[in-house]
């Protein structure tokens, strides 16, 4: 339950990042939003590990999130677009 509540933050951070990056892209902004997504992913992985009792759930979540984050932030034109975010966040877990 807590891991799902934490996971709700992921698309909200992406939405805020897209809105903010439309006003200008800086290294600090990209690092900030990437760091937030990694923290959210790590928190979800920890709660999945605690509830599932298996390290495989943590590893599967962290690897899929790293791929999603990389794809979303560095898609084609080096700036996230709404279509790339939808594709990236709709991958099966």
PDB file of N, CA and C in Angstrom:
ATOM      1  N   UNK A   1       0.824  -1.182   0.000  1.00  0.00           N
ATOM      2  CA  UNK A   1       0.000   0.000   0.000  1.00  0.00           C
ATOM      3  C   UNK A   1       0.881   1.263   0.000  1.00  0.00           C
ATOM      4  N   UNK A   2       1.902   1.274   0.848  1.00  0.00           N
ATOM      5  CA  UNK A   2       2.778   2.449   0.913  1.00  0.00           C
ATOM      6  C   UNK A   2       3.577   2.575  -0.380  1.00  0.00           C
ATOM      7  N   UNK A   3       3.998   1.438  -0.953  1.00  0.00           N
ATOM      8  CA  UNK A   3       4.777   1.523  -2.190  1.00  0.00           C
ATOM      9  C   UNK A   3       3.926   2.096  -3.324  1.00  0.00           C
ATOM     10  N   UNK A   4       2.637   1.773  -3.347  1.00  0.00           N
ATOM     11  CA  UNK A   4       1.754   2.364  -4.366  1.00  0.00           C
ATOM     12  C   UNK A   4       1.563   3.852  -4.126  1.00  0.00           C
ATOM     13  N   UNK A   5       1.456   4.252  -2.875  1.00  0.00           N
ATOM     14  CA  UNK A   5       1.314   5.682  -2.561  1.00  0.00           C
ATOM     15  C   UNK A   5       2.567   6.448  -2.977  1.00  0.00           C
ATOM     16  N   UNK A   6       3.729   5.856  -2.774  1.00  0.00           N
ATOM     17  CA  UNK A   6       4.975   6.498  -3.193  1.00  0.00           C
ATOM     18  C   UNK A   6       5.053   6.556  -4.708  1.00  0.00           C
ATOM     19  N   UNK A   7       4.599   5.491  -5.355  1.00  0.00           N
ATOM     20  CA  UNK A   7       4.704   5.412  -6.811  1.00  0.00           C
ATOM     21  C   UNK A   7       3.839   6.459  -7.511  1.00  0.00           C
ATOM     22  N   UNK A   8       2.810   6.942  -6.859  1.00  0.00           N
ATOM     23  CA  UNK A   8       1.960   7.993  -7.425  1.00  0.00           C
ATOM     24  C   UNK A   8       2.770   9.267  -7.657  1.00  0.00           C
ATOM     25  N   UNK A   9       3.813   9.468  -6.894  1.00  0.00           N
ATOM     26  CA  UNK A   9       4.649  10.660  -7.045  1.00  0.00           C
ATOM     27  C   UNK A   9       5.438  10.667  -8.347  1.00  0.00           C
ATOM     28  N   UNK A  10       5.739   9.492  -8.902  1.00  0.00           N
ATOM     29  CA  UNK A  10       6.598   9.401 -10.087  1.00  0.00           C
ATOM     30  C   UNK A  10       6.050  10.207 -11.273  1.00  0.00           C
ATOM     31  N   UNK A  11       4.804   9.981 -11.713  1.00  0.00           N
ATOM     32  CA  UNK A  11       4.304  10.772 -12.842  1.00  0.00           C
ATOM     33  C   UNK A  11       4.129  12.249 -12.504  1.00  0.00           C
ATOM     34  N   UNK A  12       3.884  12.557 -11.248  1.00  0.00           N
ATOM     35  CA  UNK A  12       3.750  13.968 -10.862  1.00  0.00           C
ATOM     36  C   UNK A  12       5.089  14.691 -10.986  1.00  0.00           C
ATOM     37  N   UNK A  13       6.171  14.038 -10.602  1.00  0.00           N
ATOM     38  CA  UNK A  13       7.499  14.640 -10.745  1.00  0.00           C
ATOM     39  C   UNK A  13       7.823  14.823 -12.225  1.00  0.00           C
ATOM     40  N   UNK A  14       7.466  13.848 -13.053  1.00  0.00           N
ATOM     41  CA  UNK A  14       7.711  13.977 -14.487  1.00  0.00           C
ATOM     42  C   UNK A  14       6.919  15.147 -15.064  1.00  0.00           C
ATOM     43  N   UNK A  15       5.669  15.300 -14.642  1.00  0.00           N
ATOM     44  CA  UNK A  15       4.842  16.418 -15.111  1.00  0.00           C
ATOM     45  C   UNK A  15       5.465  17.752 -14.726  1.00  0.00           C
ATOM     46  N   UNK A  16       5.891  17.867 -13.493  1.00  0.00           N
ATOM     47  CA  UNK A  16       6.509  19.109 -13.023  1.00  0.00           C
ATOM     48  C   UNK A  16       7.821  19.359 -13.758  1.00  0.00           C
ATOM     49  N   UNK A  17       8.590  18.295 -13.997  1.00  0.00           N
ATOM     50  CA  UNK A  17       9.858  18.432 -14.710  1.00  0.00           C
ATOM     51  C   UNK A  17       9.634  18.931 -16.135  1.00  0.00           C
ATOM     52  N   UNK A  18       8.644  18.378 -16.814  1.00  0.00           N
ATOM     53  CA  UNK A  18       8.360  18.817 -18.182  1.00  0.00           C
ATOM     54  C   UNK A  18       7.964  20.282 -18.198  1.00  0.00           C
ATOM     55  N   UNK A  19       7.089  20.663 -17.276  1.00  0.00           N
ATOM     56  CA  UNK A  19       6.669  22.064 -17.213  1.00  0.00           C
ATOM     57  C   UNK A  19       7.858  22.987 -16.945  1.00  0.00           C
ATOM     58  N   UNK A  20       8.716  22.586 -16.025  1.00  0.00           N
ATOM     59  CA  UNK A  20       9.860  23.423 -15.674  1.00  0.00           C
ATOM     60  C   UNK A  20      10.908  23.450 -16.786  1.00  0.00           C
ATOM     61  N   UNK A  21      11.143  22.309 -17.421  1.00  0.00           N
ATOM     62  CA  UNK A  21      12.155  22.252 -18.472  1.00  0.00           C
ATOM     63  C   UNK A  21      11.713  22.986 -19.741  1.00  0.00           C
ATOM     64  N   UNK A  22      10.434  23.219 -19.900  1.00  0.00           N
ATOM     65  CA  UNK A  22       9.961  24.026 -21.031  1.00  0.00           C
ATOM     66  C   UNK A  22      10.391  25.479 -20.900  1.00  0.00           C
ATOM     67  N   UNK A  23      10.743  25.897 -19.702  1.00  0.00           N
ATOM     68  CA  UNK A  23      11.200  27.273 -19.459  1.00  0.00           C
ATOM     69  C   UNK A  23      12.707  27.403 -19.582  1.00  0.00           C
ATOM     70  N   UNK A  24      13.373  26.310 -19.835  1.00  0.00           N
ATOM     71  CA  UNK A  24      14.822  26.338 -19.985  1.00  0.00           C
ATOM     72  C   UNK A  24      15.447  25.112 -19.352  1.00  0.00           C
ATOM     73  N   UNK A  25      16.398  24.528 -20.055  1.00  0.00           N
ATOM     74  CA  UNK A  25      17.056  23.315 -19.576  1.00  0.00           C
ATOM     75  C   UNK A  25      18.420  23.675 -19.014  1.00  0.00           C
ATOM     76  N   UNK A  26      18.658  23.258 -17.786  1.00  0.00           N
ATOM     77  CA  UNK A  26      19.979  23.416 -17.184  1.00  0.00           C
ATOM     78  C   UNK A  26      20.404  22.069 -16.606  1.00  0.00           C
ATOM     79  N   UNK A  27      21.683  21.937 -16.408  1.00  0.00           N
ATOM     80  CA  UNK A  27      22.210  20.701 -15.824  1.00  0.00           C
ATOM     81  C   UNK A  27      21.621  20.475 -14.427  1.00  0.00           C
ATOM     82  N   UNK A  28      21.486  21.551 -13.661  1.00  0.00           N
ATOM     83  CA  UNK A  28      20.957  21.433 -12.300  1.00  0.00           C
ATOM     84  C   UNK A  28      19.516  20.924 -12.306  1.00  0.00           C
ATOM     85  N   UNK A  29      18.698  21.413 -13.241  1.00  0.00           N
ATOM     86  CA  UNK A  29      17.311  20.954 -13.305  1.00  0.00           C
ATOM     87  C   UNK A  29      17.240  19.474 -13.661  1.00  0.00           C
ATOM     88  N   UNK A  30      18.034  19.074 -14.634  1.00  0.00           N
ATOM     89  CA  UNK A  30      18.012  17.667 -15.045  1.00  0.00           C
ATOM     90  C   UNK A  30      18.472  16.779 -13.893  1.00  0.00           C
ATOM     91  N   UNK A  31      19.537  17.178 -13.204  1.00  0.00           N
ATOM     92  CA  UNK A  31      20.019  16.388 -12.070  1.00  0.00           C
ATOM     93  C   UNK A  31      19.005  16.359 -10.930  1.00  0.00           C
ATOM     94  N   UNK A  32      18.341  17.475 -10.690  1.00  0.00           N
ATOM     95  CA  UNK A  32      17.335  17.529  -9.630  1.00  0.00           C
ATOM     96  C   UNK A  32      16.198  16.553  -9.908  1.00  0.00           C
ATOM     97  N   UNK A  33      15.619  16.626 -11.100  1.00  0.00           N
ATOM     98  CA  UNK A  33      14.478  15.770 -11.413  1.00  0.00           C
ATOM     99  C   UNK A  33      14.885  14.310 -11.550  1.00  0.00           C
ATOM    100  N   UNK A  34      16.056  14.049 -12.113  1.00  0.00           N
ATOM    101  CA  UNK A  34      16.536  12.666 -12.181  1.00  0.00           C
ATOM    102  C   UNK A  34      16.766  12.119 -10.767  1.00  0.00           C
ATOM    103  N   UNK A  35      17.331  12.942  -9.886  1.00  0.00           N
ATOM    104  CA  UNK A  35      17.546  12.525  -8.499  1.00  0.00           C
ATOM    105  C   UNK A  35      16.243  12.234  -7.774  1.00  0.00           C
ATOM    106  N   UNK A  36      15.242  13.077  -8.003  1.00  0.00           N
ATOM    107  CA  UNK A  36      13.935  12.832  -7.382  1.00  0.00           C
ATOM    108  C   UNK A  36      13.329  11.522  -7.870  1.00  0.00           C
ATOM    109  N   UNK A  37      13.447  11.252  -9.163  1.00  0.00           N
ATOM    110  CA  UNK A  37      12.907  10.003  -9.693  1.00  0.00           C
ATOM    111  C   UNK A  37      13.653   8.795  -9.147  1.00  0.00           C
ATOM    112  N   UNK A  38      14.953   8.919  -8.978  1.00  0.00           N
ATOM    113  CA  UNK A  38      15.729   7.818  -8.404  1.00  0.00           C
ATOM    114  C   UNK A  38      15.334   7.598  -6.941  1.00  0.00           C
ATOM    115  N   UNK A  39      15.147   8.682  -6.187  1.00  0.00           N
ATOM    116  CA  UNK A  39      14.722   8.546  -4.785  1.00  0.00           C
ATOM    117  C   UNK A  39      13.357   7.890  -4.673  1.00  0.00           C
ATOM    118  N   UNK A  40      12.429   8.305  -5.520  1.00  0.00           N
ATOM    119  CA  UNK A  40      11.098   7.699  -5.504  1.00  0.00           C
ATOM    120  C   UNK A  40      11.198   6.213  -5.843  1.00  0.00           C
ATOM    121  N   UNK A  41      12.005   5.887  -6.845  1.00  0.00           N
ATOM    122  CA  UNK A  41      12.177   4.494  -7.250  1.00  0.00           C
ATOM    123  C   UNK A  41      12.816   3.668  -6.136  1.00  0.00           C
ATOM    124  N   UNK A  42      13.807   4.237  -5.481  1.00  0.00           N
ATOM    125  CA  UNK A  42      14.469   3.525  -4.381  1.00  0.00           C
ATOM    126  C   UNK A  42      13.503   3.300  -3.224  1.00  0.00           C
ATOM    127  N   UNK A  43      12.705   4.303  -2.906  1.00  0.00           N
ATOM    128  CA  UNK A  43      11.727   4.151  -1.826  1.00  0.00           C
ATOM    129  C   UNK A  43      10.712   3.066  -2.163  1.00  0.00           C
ATOM    130  N   UNK A  44      10.240   3.060  -3.401  1.00  0.00           N
ATOM    131  CA  UNK A  44       9.301   2.013  -3.811  1.00  0.00           C
ATOM    132  C   UNK A  44       9.967   0.647  -3.720  1.00  0.00           C
ATOM    133  N   UNK A  45      11.215   0.550  -4.171  1.00  0.00           N
ATOM    134  CA  UNK A  45      11.929  -0.711  -4.098  1.00  0.00           C
ATOM    135  C   UNK A  45      12.107  -1.206  -2.674  1.00  0.00           C
ATOM    136  N   UNK A  46      12.405  -0.304  -1.761  1.00  0.00           N
ATOM    137  CA  UNK A  46      12.561  -0.682  -0.351  1.00  0.00           C
ATOM    138  C   UNK A  46      11.250  -1.226   0.199  1.00  0.00           C
ATOM    139  N   UNK A  47      10.141  -0.534  -0.070  1.00  0.00           N
ATOM    140  CA  UNK A  47       8.861  -1.005   0.446  1.00  0.00           C
ATOM    141  C   UNK A  47       8.420  -2.299  -0.229  1.00  0.00           C
ATOM    142  N   UNK A  48       8.747  -2.477  -1.511  1.00  0.00           N
ATOM    143  CA  UNK A  48       8.458  -3.758  -2.161  1.00  0.00           C
ATOM    144  C   UNK A  48       9.275  -4.874  -1.528  1.00  0.00           C
ATOM    145  N   UNK A  49      10.529  -4.586  -1.242  1.00  0.00           N
ATOM    146  CA  UNK A  49      11.390  -5.584  -0.607  1.00  0.00           C
ATOM    147  C   UNK A  49      10.847  -5.964   0.772  1.00  0.00           C
ATOM    148  N   UNK A  50      10.437  -4.958   1.534  1.00  0.00           N
ATOM    149  CA  UNK A  50       9.931  -5.238   2.886  1.00  0.00           C
ATOM    150  C   UNK A  50       8.616  -6.002   2.863  1.00  0.00           C
ATOM    151  N   UNK A  51       7.753  -5.693   1.911  1.00  0.00           N
ATOM    152  CA  UNK A  51       6.454  -6.362   1.869  1.00  0.00           C
ATOM    153  C   UNK A  51       6.513  -7.700   1.151  1.00  0.00           C
ATOM    154  N   UNK A  52       7.328  -7.795   0.103  1.00  0.00           N
ATOM    155  CA  UNK A  52       7.404  -9.049  -0.649  1.00  0.00           C
ATOM    156  C   UNK A  52       8.410 -10.013  -0.034  1.00  0.00           C
ATOM    157  N   UNK A  53       9.386  -9.471   0.696  1.00  0.00           N
ATOM    158  CA  UNK A  53      10.393 -10.321   1.308  1.00  0.00           C
ATOM    159  C   UNK A  53      11.347 -10.934   0.292  1.00  0.00           C
ATOM    160  N   UNK A  54      11.458 -10.282  -0.863  1.00  0.00           N
ATOM    161  CA  UNK A  54      12.312 -10.838  -1.905  1.00  0.00           C
ATOM    162  C   UNK A  54      13.149  -9.738  -2.526  1.00  0.00           C
ATOM    163  N   UNK A  55      14.418 -10.006  -2.695  1.00  0.00           N
ATOM    164  CA  UNK A  55      15.280  -9.013  -3.309  1.00  0.00           C
ATOM    165  C   UNK A  55      15.036  -8.911  -4.808  1.00  0.00           C
ATOM    166  N   UNK A  56      14.416  -9.916  -5.415  1.00  0.00           N
ATOM    167  CA  UNK A  56      14.158  -9.858  -6.859  1.00  0.00           C
ATOM    168  C   UNK A  56      13.163  -8.753  -7.197  1.00  0.00           C
ATOM    169  N   UNK A  57      12.211  -8.483  -6.309  1.00  0.00           N
ATOM    170  CA  UNK A  57      11.261  -7.396  -6.547  1.00  0.00           C
ATOM    171  C   UNK A  57      11.987  -6.060  -6.555  1.00  0.00           C
ATOM    172  N   UNK A  58      12.938  -5.890  -5.648  1.00  0.00           N
ATOM    173  CA  UNK A  58      13.709  -4.648  -5.596  1.00  0.00           C
ATOM    174  C   UNK A  58      14.559  -4.479  -6.849  1.00  0.00           C
ATOM    175  N   UNK A  59      15.224  -5.524  -7.276  1.00  0.00           N
ATOM    176  CA  UNK A  59      16.083  -5.447  -8.451  1.00  0.00           C
ATOM    177  C   UNK A  59      15.275  -5.191  -9.717  1.00  0.00           C
ATOM    178  N   UNK A  60      14.136  -5.832  -9.852  1.00  0.00           N
ATOM    179  CA  UNK A  60      13.296  -5.630 -11.038  1.00  0.00           C
ATOM    180  C   UNK A  60      12.782  -4.204 -11.085  1.00  0.00           C
ATOM    181  N   UNK A  61      12.362  -3.667  -9.952  1.00  0.00           N
ATOM    182  CA  UNK A  61      11.851  -2.298  -9.915  1.00  0.00           C
ATOM    183  C   UNK A  61      12.950  -1.306 -10.226  1.00  0.00           C
ATOM    184  N   UNK A  62      14.101  -1.443  -9.595  1.00  0.00           N
ATOM    185  CA  UNK A  62      15.160  -0.460  -9.796  1.00  0.00           C
ATOM    186  C   UNK A  62      15.679  -0.474 -11.232  1.00  0.00           C
ATOM    187  N   UNK A  63      15.797  -1.632 -11.855  1.00  0.00           N
ATOM    188  CA  UNK A  63      16.299  -1.669 -13.231  1.00  0.00           C
ATOM    189  C   UNK A  63      15.287  -1.106 -14.206  1.00  0.00           C
ATOM    190  N   UNK A  64      13.992  -1.376 -14.000  1.00  0.00           N
ATOM    191  CA  UNK A  64      12.996  -0.836 -14.920  1.00  0.00           C
ATOM    192  C   UNK A  64      12.861   0.669 -14.751  1.00  0.00           C
ATOM    193  N   UNK A  65      13.040   1.175 -13.547  1.00  0.00           N
ATOM    194  CA  UNK A  65      12.928   2.610 -13.318  1.00  0.00           C
ATOM    195  C   UNK A  65      14.111   3.340 -13.914  1.00  0.00           C
ATOM    196  N   UNK A  66      15.302   2.779 -13.801  1.00  0.00           N
ATOM    197  CA  UNK A  66      16.469   3.421 -14.406  1.00  0.00           C
ATOM    198  C   UNK A  66      16.288   3.535 -15.908  1.00  0.00           C
ATOM    199  N   UNK A  67      15.777   2.489 -16.533  1.00  0.00           N
ATOM    200  CA  UNK A  67      15.542   2.521 -17.974  1.00  0.00           C
ATOM    201  C   UNK A  67      14.470   3.545 -18.317  1.00  0.00           C
ATOM    202  N   UNK A  68      13.402   3.596 -17.526  1.00  0.00           N
ATOM    203  CA  UNK A  68      12.320   4.545 -17.771  1.00  0.00           C
ATOM    204  C   UNK A  68      12.816   5.972 -17.616  1.00  0.00           C
ATOM    205  N   UNK A  69      13.566   6.238 -16.564  1.00  0.00           N
ATOM    206  CA  UNK A  69      14.065   7.581 -16.317  1.00  0.00           C
ATOM    207  C   UNK A  69      15.001   8.027 -17.431  1.00  0.00           C
ATOM    208  N   UNK A  70      15.911   7.146 -17.833  1.00  0.00           N
ATOM    209  CA  UNK A  70      16.840   7.494 -18.904  1.00  0.00           C
ATOM    210  C   UNK A  70      16.105   7.765 -20.196  1.00  0.00           C
ATOM    211  N   UNK A  71      15.139   6.930 -20.517  1.00  0.00           N
ATOM    212  CA  UNK A  71      14.380   7.100 -21.752  1.00  0.00           C
ATOM    213  C   UNK A  71      13.574   8.387 -21.720  1.00  0.00           C
ATOM    214  N   UNK A  72      12.932   8.669 -20.591  1.00  0.00           N
ATOM    215  CA  UNK A  72      12.072   9.843 -20.493  1.00  0.00           C
ATOM    216  C   UNK A  72      12.858  11.140 -20.577  1.00  0.00           C
ATOM    217  N   UNK A  73      14.001  11.203 -19.934  1.00  0.00           N
ATOM    218  CA  UNK A  73      14.748  12.458 -19.891  1.00  0.00           C
ATOM    219  C   UNK A  73      15.584  12.656 -21.150  1.00  0.00           C
ATOM    220  N   UNK A  74      16.125  11.599 -21.714  1.00  0.00           N
ATOM    221  CA  UNK A  74      17.025  11.738 -22.863  1.00  0.00           C
ATOM    222  C   UNK A  74      16.425  11.160 -24.135  1.00  0.00           C
ATOM    223  N   UNK A  75      15.139  11.402 -24.393  1.00  0.00           N
ATOM    224  CA  UNK A  75      14.504  10.852 -25.587  1.00  0.00           C
ATOM    225  C   UNK A  75      14.774  11.733 -26.802  1.00  0.00           C
ATOM    226  N   UNK A  76      15.476  11.215 -27.742  1.00  0.00           N
ATOM    227  CA  UNK A  76      15.700  11.835 -29.034  1.00  0.00           C
ATOM    228  C   UNK A  76      16.276  13.229 -28.998  1.00  0.00           C
ATOM    229  N   UNK A  77      15.462  14.216 -28.695  1.00  0.00           N
ATOM    230  CA  UNK A  77      15.912  15.606 -28.755  1.00  0.00           C
ATOM    231  C   UNK A  77      16.488  16.091 -27.424  1.00  0.00           C
ATOM    232  N   UNK A  78      16.833  15.181 -26.548  1.00  0.00           N
ATOM    233  CA  UNK A  78      17.447  15.484 -25.245  1.00  0.00           C
ATOM    234  C   UNK A  78      16.539  16.280 -24.321  1.00  0.00           C
ATOM    235  N   UNK A  79      15.277  16.296 -24.627  1.00  0.00           N
ATOM    236  CA  UNK A  79      14.314  16.971 -23.764  1.00  0.00           C
ATOM    237  C   UNK A  79      13.066  16.100 -23.727  1.00  0.00           C
ATOM    238  N   UNK A  80      12.511  15.837 -22.549  1.00  0.00           N
ATOM    239  CA  UNK A  80      11.341  14.966 -22.489  1.00  0.00           C
ATOM    240  C   UNK A  80      10.148  15.597 -23.189  1.00  0.00           C
ATOM    241  N   UNK A  81       9.384  14.741 -23.841  1.00  0.00           N
ATOM    242  CA  UNK A  81       8.145  15.190 -24.464  1.00  0.00           C
ATOM    243  C   UNK A  81       7.004  14.421 -23.832  1.00  0.00           C
ATOM    244  N   UNK A  82       5.813  14.934 -23.983  1.00  0.00           N
ATOM    245  CA  UNK A  82       4.677  14.260 -23.361  1.00  0.00           C
ATOM    246  C   UNK A  82       4.486  12.866 -23.939  1.00  0.00           C
ATOM    247  N   UNK A  83       4.751  12.665 -25.239  1.00  0.00           N
ATOM    248  CA  UNK A  83       4.580  11.337 -25.823  1.00  0.00           C
ATOM    249  C   UNK A  83       5.642  10.359 -25.315  1.00  0.00           C
ATOM    250  N   UNK A  84       6.884  10.823 -25.118  1.00  0.00           N
ATOM    251  CA  UNK A  84       7.910   9.911 -24.612  1.00  0.00           C
ATOM    252  C   UNK A  84       7.639   9.550 -23.162  1.00  0.00           C
ATOM    253  N   UNK A  85       7.076  10.475 -22.407  1.00  0.00           N
ATOM    254  CA  UNK A  85       6.760  10.177 -21.005  1.00  0.00           C
ATOM    255  C   UNK A  85       5.644   9.152 -20.939  1.00  0.00           C
ATOM    256  N   UNK A  86       4.636   9.300 -21.779  1.00  0.00           N
ATOM    257  CA  UNK A  86       3.535   8.338 -21.778  1.00  0.00           C
ATOM    258  C   UNK A  86       4.056   6.960 -22.150  1.00  0.00           C
ATOM    259  N   UNK A  87       4.900   6.868 -23.176  1.00  0.00           N
ATOM    260  CA  UNK A  87       5.455   5.569 -23.560  1.00  0.00           C
ATOM    261  C   UNK A  87       6.309   5.006 -22.429  1.00  0.00           C
ATOM    262  N   UNK A  88       7.120   5.847 -21.816  1.00  0.00           N
ATOM    263  CA  UNK A  88       8.046   5.354 -20.789  1.00  0.00           C
ATOM    264  C   UNK A  88       7.313   4.923 -19.532  1.00  0.00           C
ATOM    265  N   UNK A  89       6.289   5.646 -19.142  1.00  0.00           N
ATOM    266  CA  UNK A  89       5.603   5.303 -17.891  1.00  0.00           C
ATOM    267  C   UNK A  89       4.562   4.226 -18.079  1.00  0.00           C
ATOM    268  N   UNK A  90       4.267   3.830 -19.319  1.00  0.00           N
ATOM    269  CA  UNK A  90       3.266   2.802 -19.526  1.00  0.00           C
ATOM    270  C   UNK A  90       3.886   1.427 -19.756  1.00  0.00           C
ATOM    271  N   UNK A  91       5.202   1.292 -19.582  1.00  0.00           N
ATOM    272  CA  UNK A  91       5.841  -0.014 -19.711  1.00  0.00           C
ATOM    273  C   UNK A  91       5.349  -0.926 -18.608  1.00  0.00           C
ATOM    274  N   UNK A  92       5.194  -2.196 -18.903  1.00  0.00           N
ATOM    275  CA  UNK A  92       4.771  -3.126 -17.832  1.00  0.00           C
ATOM    276  C   UNK A  92       5.868  -3.280 -16.798  1.00  0.00           C
ATOM    277  N   UNK A  93       5.455  -3.386 -15.553  1.00  0.00           N
ATOM    278  CA  UNK A  93       6.426  -3.513 -14.451  1.00  0.00           C
ATOM    279  C   UNK A  93       6.892  -4.922 -14.305  1.00  0.00           C
TER     280      UNK A  93
END
